[in-house]
Each structure stands twice: as C-alpha cells, then as structure tokens.
Amino acid sequence: MKTFEFIRPVNSAAAITTAAQAKTAQQGAEVRYIAGGTTLLDLMKLNVETPGRLLDINRLPLDKIETTADGGLTIGATVRNSDLAHHATVQRDYAVLSQAILAGASTQLRNMATTAGNLLQRTRCAYFRDTAMPCNKREPGTGCPAITGSNRTLAVLGTSEHCIATNPSDMCIAMAALEATIHVQGPNGSRAIPFGEFHLLPGNTPHRETVLEPGDLITHVTLPAPIKGSKQLYLKLRDRASYEFALASAAVVISITGQNVTRARIALGGVGTKPWRSQEAEAVLAGQPANGANFRGAAEAALRDAKPQSENGFKIELARRCLTHALQMAVTS
C-alpha cells in the first residue's frame, strides 16, 4: 500500500475544498473521502487505488435518517448499512431497500459500510483488481481482457467494447426501483441528481463511473413518499446463499388495483454495468393484468438488448426467471 496523509476535516466546506485539489475526475484520484472504507481500503491494499490523501468524513453530521416534510425519507451519506436496513421506517415503507441491504455482504461489513460508500462501490471484476493485468477502467486505453477472458460473473446489459464490468451493489438496485435522489455538495454548490443519472455507462470512458466531479461530496439521499398499498420485493440469485455477489437480482415496487398493474418500478442487479432500471419492463406491465404471462413478457423486455460474452450467456435466462419470480412473489406476498 502506498503511504498517504490522513485528514479529518472540521466541516463539509473544508472537506470539499481539500478534495477539489484532486487532479482528475477519475476514481482513484489523489484525494479521496473515507467513511467505512470497506471497498476503498481493499483497493488501496491491492494498489488499484493510490490516493495520497484520505479525508475522514465520519465526524461530519451526515449520519441521520429523517422523514421529510412530504412524507419521504432522508438518508445521510454516512448512515451505516445495518442501521439503514433495520430502521423501522425503512422496514415498513421501503422494504425492498431493507431486503437488498441484508442480502449483501456480511453483518460485520454492513456495520461499517455507508450509504455513500455503497453508491460508489466499485466492480469486483478480477482484471480490474489485478494490477498485473490491463484494464480500461483502471488504466484507460490498455484494453479489456475480460471480453475474451474470464467473464462468467460480468455484465450483459450496458456493456461496450471497452468494458463489461458489473456493478456489484445490492442497495443501489433497490434505490433505482425506489427512484431515489442523490444530493451532492461541491466547489460549485449543491445539486440533486436523480438516481438514474448518477452512474454512467462505460462507453469509451469506463474509468468514469459517476457524474461526480473533483471535490463533490455526497451529503444524503432522499426517497419519495411511499406509494400506499404498493408491494415491494428484492430477490437475489447467487452461487452460494450468503456473502456473495449477485449473478442476477431484481428489485420490484408494484401497485395493483383490482387485477391490473397500475404502477411498476423494476431494477436489475448482477447483469448491468450500472444499477439497471428497466423502463421497458415497466411499460409492458402498465395497465395489464398481474399474471404470469405478463410478468414473463416484462422479463423478456428487460433483457431484450442483453449482449452475452463467452461465459455469461446463462445470465440472460437467469435474470428473466429472477424478475418473473420476483414479480410473482411480490404480488402474492
């Protein structure tokens, strides 16, 4: 691990000013924020991330979960995953979020990992984490050996000729389905970013994973007021039952009046280069009977543009079945 300077900013303004000194917007730049460190420290030990300064934001007042005036929820950037998953309001009104968080990592990691850290969680692609190998995400222009190499766990949606790495987060899949908003403070002021606009597709710049600029500090996430009577569910399929990343997962928030779907929000995990909201699947369900045939049709629509690689073609059917089953479980729960 490269040596680094450890700094505790006295407030958010001081943190932002120091972090803005980063040379580029690329992840792994010279200055990084740290809270739980459950991903960053791992990558520093591997020399994938080599920041010269770490800014500890744990003492900043960013650790609250509060109800908003319009009935929604504010989640501070440094709220621990365990606290969020077990919060009474989250369990009651945003069950899909609680389920997703509890499906990820281990209890020990959830006790340290934070909301903002999870939003910025980086891929587990083996080529990205091995500095002896080329990787466009780590070193732009060096190539993506995963495309012709070991790619069983990698993405089939949102890929490019430059990167097929999968976004590993469970929490983010639920937040995509809940239509969260991410709030950021930076050198140029504050802004609110709709969840679907926060993560970037790899395209020809896979090293750029989010819309954050140097110095930007995630302060909190807001969730809209829950839809009364909606049914929510997170289903995760993986190689083993615990402490494993998804091969395919689905977050479902669905409302039914009579026998018909009046509203559906669907997101997929384990298959996309970013948390994958499927408006195609939602459109198939809108106004239609909540039955198996329509659920399967929605799953077909969600995976219509999937592009398999040499070892991960099975993920397409797996994700279809995952979403179909998640919808069936949600409406019968």
Protein backbone atom coordinates (compact mmCIF):
# COMPACT_ATOMS: atom_id res chain seq x y z
CA MET A 1 0.00 0.00 0.00
CA LYS A 2 1.22 3.47 -0.87
CA THR A 3 1.68 5.84 2.08
CA PHE A 4 -0.97 8.54 2.47
CA GLU A 5 -1.91 11.53 4.58
CA PHE A 6 -4.95 11.11 6.83
CA ILE A 7 -7.02 14.26 7.43
CA ARG A 8 -10.16 14.91 9.49
CA PRO A 9 -11.90 17.98 8.01
CA VAL A 10 -13.72 20.15 10.56
CA ASN A 11 -16.76 20.59 8.31
CA SER A 12 -18.10 19.80 4.85
CA ALA A 13 -16.77 23.02 3.34
CA ALA A 14 -13.22 22.17 4.44
CA ALA A 15 -13.58 18.63 3.11
CA ILE A 16 -14.79 19.85 -0.28
CA THR A 17 -12.02 22.45 -0.59
CA THR A 18 -9.33 19.86 0.12
CA ALA A 19 -10.87 17.18 -2.10
CA ALA A 20 -11.22 19.61 -5.00
CA GLN A 21 -7.44 19.55 -5.29
CA ALA A 22 -7.77 16.13 -6.94
CA LYS A 23 -6.11 16.21 -10.34
CA THR A 24 -8.84 14.47 -12.31
CA ALA A 25 -12.41 13.26 -12.00
CA GLN A 26 -11.19 9.67 -12.36
CA GLN A 27 -11.93 7.36 -9.46
CA GLY A 28 -8.70 6.71 -7.59
CA ALA A 29 -7.58 10.33 -7.83
CA GLU A 30 -5.15 11.98 -5.44
CA VAL A 31 -7.70 12.85 -2.74
CA ARG A 32 -10.48 10.55 -1.56
CA TYR A 33 -13.18 10.68 1.09
CA ILE A 34 -13.33 7.75 3.50
CA ALA A 35 -16.03 6.63 5.94
CA GLY A 36 -16.42 2.86 6.35
CA GLY A 37 -13.60 2.10 3.92
CA THR A 38 -14.90 -1.39 3.19
CA THR A 39 -14.10 -1.09 -0.52
CA LEU A 40 -11.52 1.69 -0.65
CA LEU A 41 -9.09 0.10 1.80
CA ASP A 42 -9.23 -3.22 -0.06
CA LEU A 43 -8.37 -1.47 -3.31
CA MET A 44 -5.58 0.51 -1.67
CA LYS A 45 -4.02 -2.71 -0.41
CA LEU A 46 -4.09 -4.01 -3.99
CA ASN A 47 -2.65 -0.71 -5.30
CA VAL A 48 -5.70 -0.31 -7.51
CA GLU A 49 -6.47 2.91 -5.64
CA THR A 50 -3.46 5.03 -4.63
CA PRO A 51 -4.69 8.31 -3.13
CA GLY A 52 -2.14 10.50 -1.39
CA ARG A 53 -4.76 11.95 0.98
CA LEU A 54 -7.72 10.41 2.75
CA LEU A 55 -10.37 12.72 4.16
CA ASP A 56 -12.20 11.11 7.06
CA ILE A 57 -15.83 12.33 6.96
CA ASN A 58 -17.12 10.21 9.84
CA ARG A 59 -17.30 13.19 12.19
CA LEU A 60 -19.35 15.30 9.82
CA PRO A 61 -23.11 15.48 10.62
CA LEU A 62 -24.15 13.16 7.78
CA ASP A 63 -25.41 10.15 9.74
CA LYS A 64 -29.13 10.79 10.24
CA ILE A 65 -32.26 9.10 8.88
CA GLU A 66 -35.17 11.55 8.93
CA THR A 67 -38.67 11.85 7.50
CA THR A 68 -39.14 14.72 5.03
CA ALA A 69 -42.00 17.23 5.03
CA ASP A 70 -43.64 15.49 2.05
CA GLY A 71 -43.56 12.06 3.70
CA GLY A 72 -40.37 10.82 2.08
CA LEU A 73 -37.10 9.89 3.74
CA THR A 74 -33.66 11.50 4.01
CA ILE A 75 -30.70 9.14 4.46
CA GLY A 76 -27.37 10.66 5.43
CA ALA A 77 -24.23 9.78 3.49
CA THR A 78 -22.53 8.11 6.46
CA VAL A 79 -25.52 6.12 7.70
CA ARG A 80 -24.27 2.57 8.18
CA ASN A 81 -25.90 -0.13 6.08
CA SER A 82 -27.01 -2.08 9.14
CA ASP A 83 -28.69 0.95 10.67
CA LEU A 84 -30.49 1.68 7.41
CA ALA A 85 -31.65 -1.89 6.85
CA HIS A 86 -33.04 -2.21 10.39
CA HIS A 87 -34.60 1.25 10.62
CA ALA A 88 -38.30 0.89 11.43
CA THR A 89 -39.47 3.32 8.74
CA VAL A 90 -37.35 1.63 6.08
CA GLN A 91 -38.63 -1.80 7.02
CA ARG A 92 -42.24 -0.58 6.94
CA ASP A 93 -42.29 1.76 3.93
CA TYR A 94 -39.24 0.79 1.86
CA ALA A 95 -38.99 -2.93 2.47
CA VAL A 96 -37.21 -3.57 -0.83
CA LEU A 97 -34.31 -1.42 0.40
CA SER A 98 -34.02 -3.26 3.70
CA GLN A 99 -34.15 -6.62 1.92
CA ALA A 100 -31.50 -5.61 -0.60
CA ILE A 101 -29.04 -4.38 2.02
CA LEU A 102 -29.47 -7.50 4.15
CA ALA A 103 -28.82 -9.65 1.07
CA GLY A 104 -25.38 -8.09 0.64
CA ALA A 105 -22.01 -8.64 2.29
CA SER A 106 -21.79 -9.84 5.91
CA THR A 107 -23.06 -8.41 9.18
CA GLN A 108 -19.58 -7.12 10.01
CA LEU A 109 -19.26 -5.31 6.69
CA ARG A 110 -22.79 -3.89 6.90
CA ASN A 111 -21.90 -2.49 10.33
CA MET A 112 -19.13 -0.42 8.72
CA ALA A 113 -20.29 0.24 5.15
CA THR A 114 -22.11 3.52 4.48
CA THR A 115 -24.82 4.77 2.16
CA ALA A 116 -22.50 6.96 0.07
CA GLY A 117 -19.80 4.30 0.01
CA ASN A 118 -22.30 1.79 -1.36
CA LEU A 119 -23.31 4.26 -4.08
CA LEU A 120 -19.64 4.40 -5.11
CA GLN A 121 -18.92 0.69 -4.74
CA ARG A 122 -16.58 -0.49 -7.47
CA THR A 123 -16.64 -3.62 -9.59
CA ARG A 124 -15.30 -6.99 -8.47
CA CYS A 125 -14.05 -7.79 -11.98
CA ALA A 126 -10.85 -9.80 -11.45
CA TYR A 127 -8.98 -7.88 -14.16
CA PHE A 128 -9.80 -4.54 -12.54
CA ARG A 129 -8.47 -5.75 -9.19
CA ASP A 130 -5.26 -7.27 -10.59
CA THR A 131 -2.70 -4.57 -11.39
CA ALA A 132 -0.65 -7.07 -13.37
CA MET A 133 -3.43 -7.15 -15.97
CA PRO A 134 -4.58 -4.43 -18.39
CA CYS A 135 -7.92 -2.77 -17.60
CA ASN A 136 -9.58 0.21 -19.27
CA LYS A 137 -11.42 1.06 -16.08
CA ARG A 138 -8.18 1.22 -14.09
CA GLU A 139 -5.86 2.43 -16.86
CA PRO A 140 -7.74 3.90 -19.84
CA GLY A 141 -6.60 2.63 -23.20
CA THR A 142 -4.95 -0.58 -22.01
CA GLY A 143 -7.77 -2.89 -23.08
CA CYS A 144 -10.44 -5.15 -21.57
CA PRO A 145 -9.16 -8.74 -21.31
CA ALA A 146 -12.45 -9.80 -19.70
CA ILE A 147 -14.18 -9.68 -23.09
CA THR A 148 -12.19 -12.70 -24.28
CA GLY A 149 -11.23 -14.00 -20.85
CA SER A 150 -12.97 -14.92 -17.62
CA ASN A 151 -16.37 -13.20 -17.76
CA ARG A 152 -18.88 -15.56 -16.13
CA THR A 153 -19.92 -13.01 -13.48
CA LEU A 154 -19.76 -9.92 -15.67
CA ALA A 155 -22.40 -7.75 -17.33
CA VAL A 156 -24.75 -8.42 -20.23
CA LEU A 157 -26.51 -5.03 -20.19
CA GLY A 158 -24.92 -1.64 -20.81
CA THR A 159 -21.60 -3.06 -21.96
CA SER A 160 -19.22 -1.61 -24.52
CA GLU A 161 -16.16 -2.79 -26.43
CA HIS A 162 -14.11 -1.12 -23.70
CA CYS A 163 -15.66 -2.62 -20.55
CA ILE A 164 -18.09 -5.33 -19.40
CA ALA A 165 -17.59 -4.97 -15.63
CA THR A 166 -20.66 -5.45 -13.44
CA ASN A 167 -21.86 -3.00 -10.82
CA PRO A 168 -21.85 -5.10 -7.62
CA SER A 169 -24.25 -3.19 -5.34
CA ASP A 170 -27.47 -4.62 -3.92
CA MET A 171 -28.54 -1.39 -2.20
CA CYS A 172 -28.32 0.56 -5.45
CA ILE A 173 -30.73 -1.78 -7.23
CA ALA A 174 -33.39 -1.09 -4.63
CA MET A 175 -32.71 2.66 -4.73
CA ALA A 176 -33.10 2.62 -8.51
CA ALA A 177 -36.54 1.00 -8.17
CA LEU A 178 -37.47 3.48 -5.43
CA GLU A 179 -36.44 6.43 -7.65
CA ALA A 180 -34.05 7.89 -5.11
CA THR A 181 -32.33 11.25 -5.49
CA ILE A 182 -28.66 11.75 -4.60
CA HIS A 183 -27.69 15.11 -3.07
CA VAL A 184 -24.19 16.45 -3.60
CA GLN A 185 -22.21 19.46 -2.43
CA GLY A 186 -19.17 20.56 -4.38
CA PRO A 187 -16.95 23.50 -5.28
CA ASN A 188 -19.74 24.87 -7.50
CA GLY A 189 -22.53 24.49 -4.94
CA SER A 190 -25.22 21.91 -4.26
CA ARG A 191 -27.18 19.80 -6.70
CA ALA A 192 -29.73 16.98 -6.65
CA ILE A 193 -29.12 14.08 -9.05
CA PRO A 194 -31.89 11.62 -9.99
CA PHE A 195 -30.65 8.14 -9.25
CA GLY A 196 -30.80 7.00 -12.86
CA GLU A 197 -28.47 9.82 -13.91
CA PHE A 198 -25.81 9.26 -11.25
CA HIS A 199 -23.99 6.19 -12.60
CA LEU A 200 -22.52 6.28 -16.11
CA LEU A 201 -22.38 3.60 -18.77
CA PRO A 202 -18.80 2.62 -19.66
CA GLY A 203 -18.94 3.65 -23.33
CA ASN A 204 -15.40 4.65 -24.29
CA THR A 205 -14.68 6.14 -20.82
CA PRO A 206 -15.13 3.21 -18.40
CA HIS A 207 -12.86 4.88 -15.84
CA ARG A 208 -15.59 7.49 -15.33
CA GLU A 209 -18.21 5.68 -13.27
CA THR A 210 -20.40 8.51 -11.93
CA VAL A 211 -21.20 12.15 -12.67
CA LEU A 212 -19.24 13.32 -9.61
CA GLU A 213 -16.55 15.94 -10.17
CA PRO A 214 -13.41 16.56 -8.08
CA GLY A 215 -14.40 17.77 -4.63
CA ASP A 216 -18.01 16.62 -4.83
CA LEU A 217 -19.27 15.23 -1.53
CA ILE A 218 -22.42 13.12 -1.32
CA THR A 219 -24.33 14.51 1.66
CA HIS A 220 -27.55 12.49 1.62
CA VAL A 221 -30.06 10.50 -0.39
CA THR A 222 -33.79 11.18 -0.45
CA LEU A 223 -36.56 8.70 -1.16
CA PRO A 224 -40.00 9.87 -2.31
CA ALA A 225 -43.03 9.21 -0.13
CA PRO A 226 -44.01 5.54 -0.33
CA ILE A 227 -46.85 4.58 -2.65
CA LYS A 228 -49.74 3.47 -0.45
CA GLY A 229 -50.53 -0.19 -0.93
CA SER A 230 -47.52 -0.93 -3.12
CA LYS A 231 -45.82 -4.31 -2.86
CA GLN A 232 -42.04 -4.47 -2.71
CA LEU A 233 -39.54 -7.29 -3.01
CA TYR A 234 -35.84 -7.89 -3.64
CA LEU A 235 -34.77 -11.27 -4.99
CA LYS A 236 -31.10 -12.20 -5.34
CA LEU A 237 -29.70 -15.27 -7.11
CA ARG A 238 -26.07 -16.20 -6.43
CA ASP A 239 -23.65 -19.10 -6.32
CA ARG A 240 -23.98 -19.52 -2.55
CA ALA A 241 -26.54 -18.44 0.00
CA SER A 242 -24.57 -15.71 1.79
CA TYR A 243 -21.66 -13.30 1.42
CA GLU A 244 -21.75 -13.49 -2.37
CA PHE A 245 -22.43 -11.06 -5.19
CA ALA A 246 -25.48 -11.48 -7.40
CA LEU A 247 -25.44 -13.40 -10.64
CA ALA A 248 -28.86 -11.81 -11.14
CA SER A 249 -31.17 -9.87 -8.85
CA ALA A 250 -34.41 -7.94 -9.14
CA ALA A 251 -35.96 -5.10 -7.15
CA VAL A 252 -39.71 -4.72 -7.64
CA VAL A 253 -42.10 -1.99 -6.45
CA ILE A 254 -45.56 -2.67 -7.85
CA SER A 255 -49.10 -1.40 -7.29
CA ILE A 256 -52.21 -3.32 -8.30
CA THR A 257 -55.83 -2.15 -8.47
CA GLY A 258 -58.33 -4.91 -9.00
CA GLN A 259 -56.43 -7.38 -11.13
CA ASN A 260 -54.33 -4.87 -13.09
CA VAL A 261 -50.93 -3.30 -12.55
CA THR A 262 -51.33 0.44 -12.08
CA ARG A 263 -47.67 1.21 -11.41
CA ALA A 264 -44.42 -0.76 -11.58
CA ARG A 265 -40.81 0.14 -10.92
CA ILE A 266 -38.24 -2.51 -11.75
CA ALA A 267 -34.46 -2.66 -11.45
CA LEU A 268 -31.98 -5.47 -12.10
CA GLY A 269 -28.66 -6.28 -10.46
CA GLY A 270 -25.79 -8.59 -11.32
CA VAL A 271 -26.31 -8.12 -15.05
CA GLY A 272 -25.63 -4.43 -15.74
CA THR A 273 -22.59 -2.18 -15.87
CA LYS A 274 -24.64 0.18 -13.67
CA PRO A 275 -27.71 -0.35 -11.45
CA TRP A 276 -30.19 -1.27 -14.17
CA ARG A 277 -33.64 0.32 -14.11
CA SER A 278 -35.83 -1.32 -16.75
CA GLN A 279 -38.45 1.07 -18.04
CA GLU A 280 -39.07 -1.42 -20.85
CA ALA A 281 -40.31 -3.99 -18.34
CA GLU A 282 -42.37 -1.35 -16.55
CA ALA A 283 -44.07 -0.34 -19.81
CA VAL A 284 -45.06 -3.93 -20.56
CA LEU A 285 -46.83 -4.20 -17.19
CA ALA A 286 -48.57 -0.81 -17.10
CA GLY A 287 -52.36 -1.29 -17.10
CA GLN A 288 -52.09 -5.03 -17.72
CA PRO A 289 -53.34 -7.98 -15.65
CA ALA A 290 -50.89 -9.06 -12.95
CA ASN A 291 -50.34 -12.58 -14.22
CA GLY A 292 -47.51 -14.92 -15.11
CA ALA A 293 -47.68 -14.30 -18.84
CA ASN A 294 -47.28 -10.56 -18.42
CA PHE A 295 -44.55 -11.00 -15.84
CA ARG A 296 -42.63 -13.16 -18.29
CA GLY A 297 -43.25 -10.58 -21.02
CA ALA A 298 -41.81 -7.88 -18.80
CA ALA A 299 -38.74 -10.02 -18.13
CA GLU A 300 -38.28 -10.63 -21.86
CA ALA A 301 -38.42 -6.87 -22.47
CA ALA A 302 -35.92 -6.16 -19.71
CA LEU A 303 -33.31 -8.48 -21.27
CA ARG A 304 -34.07 -7.81 -24.92
CA ASP A 305 -30.87 -5.85 -25.51
CA ALA A 306 -28.59 -8.13 -23.48
CA LYS A 307 -25.22 -8.98 -25.06
CA PRO A 308 -23.68 -12.14 -23.69
CA GLN A 309 -19.98 -12.91 -23.66
CA SER A 310 -18.28 -16.28 -23.95
CA GLU A 311 -19.10 -17.49 -20.41
CA ASN A 312 -22.09 -15.48 -19.17
CA GLY A 313 -24.89 -16.15 -21.63
CA PHE A 314 -26.72 -18.11 -18.92
CA LYS A 315 -27.28 -14.84 -17.08
CA ILE A 316 -29.90 -13.72 -19.59
CA GLU A 317 -32.32 -16.55 -18.84
CA LEU A 318 -31.37 -16.47 -15.17
CA ALA A 319 -32.27 -12.77 -14.97
CA ARG A 320 -35.55 -13.37 -16.83
CA ARG A 321 -36.54 -16.04 -14.34
CA CYS A 322 -35.36 -13.93 -11.42
CA LEU A 323 -37.55 -10.99 -12.42
CA THR A 324 -40.54 -13.17 -13.27
CA HIS A 325 -40.35 -14.91 -9.91
CA ALA A 326 -39.80 -11.63 -8.05
CA LEU A 327 -42.96 -10.17 -9.56
CA GLN A 328 -44.94 -13.29 -8.70
CA MET A 329 -43.64 -13.29 -5.14
CA ALA A 330 -44.36 -9.57 -4.73
CA VAL A 331 -47.99 -9.72 -5.79
CA THR A 332 -48.74 -12.79 -3.66
CA SER A 333 -46.99 -11.52 -0.53
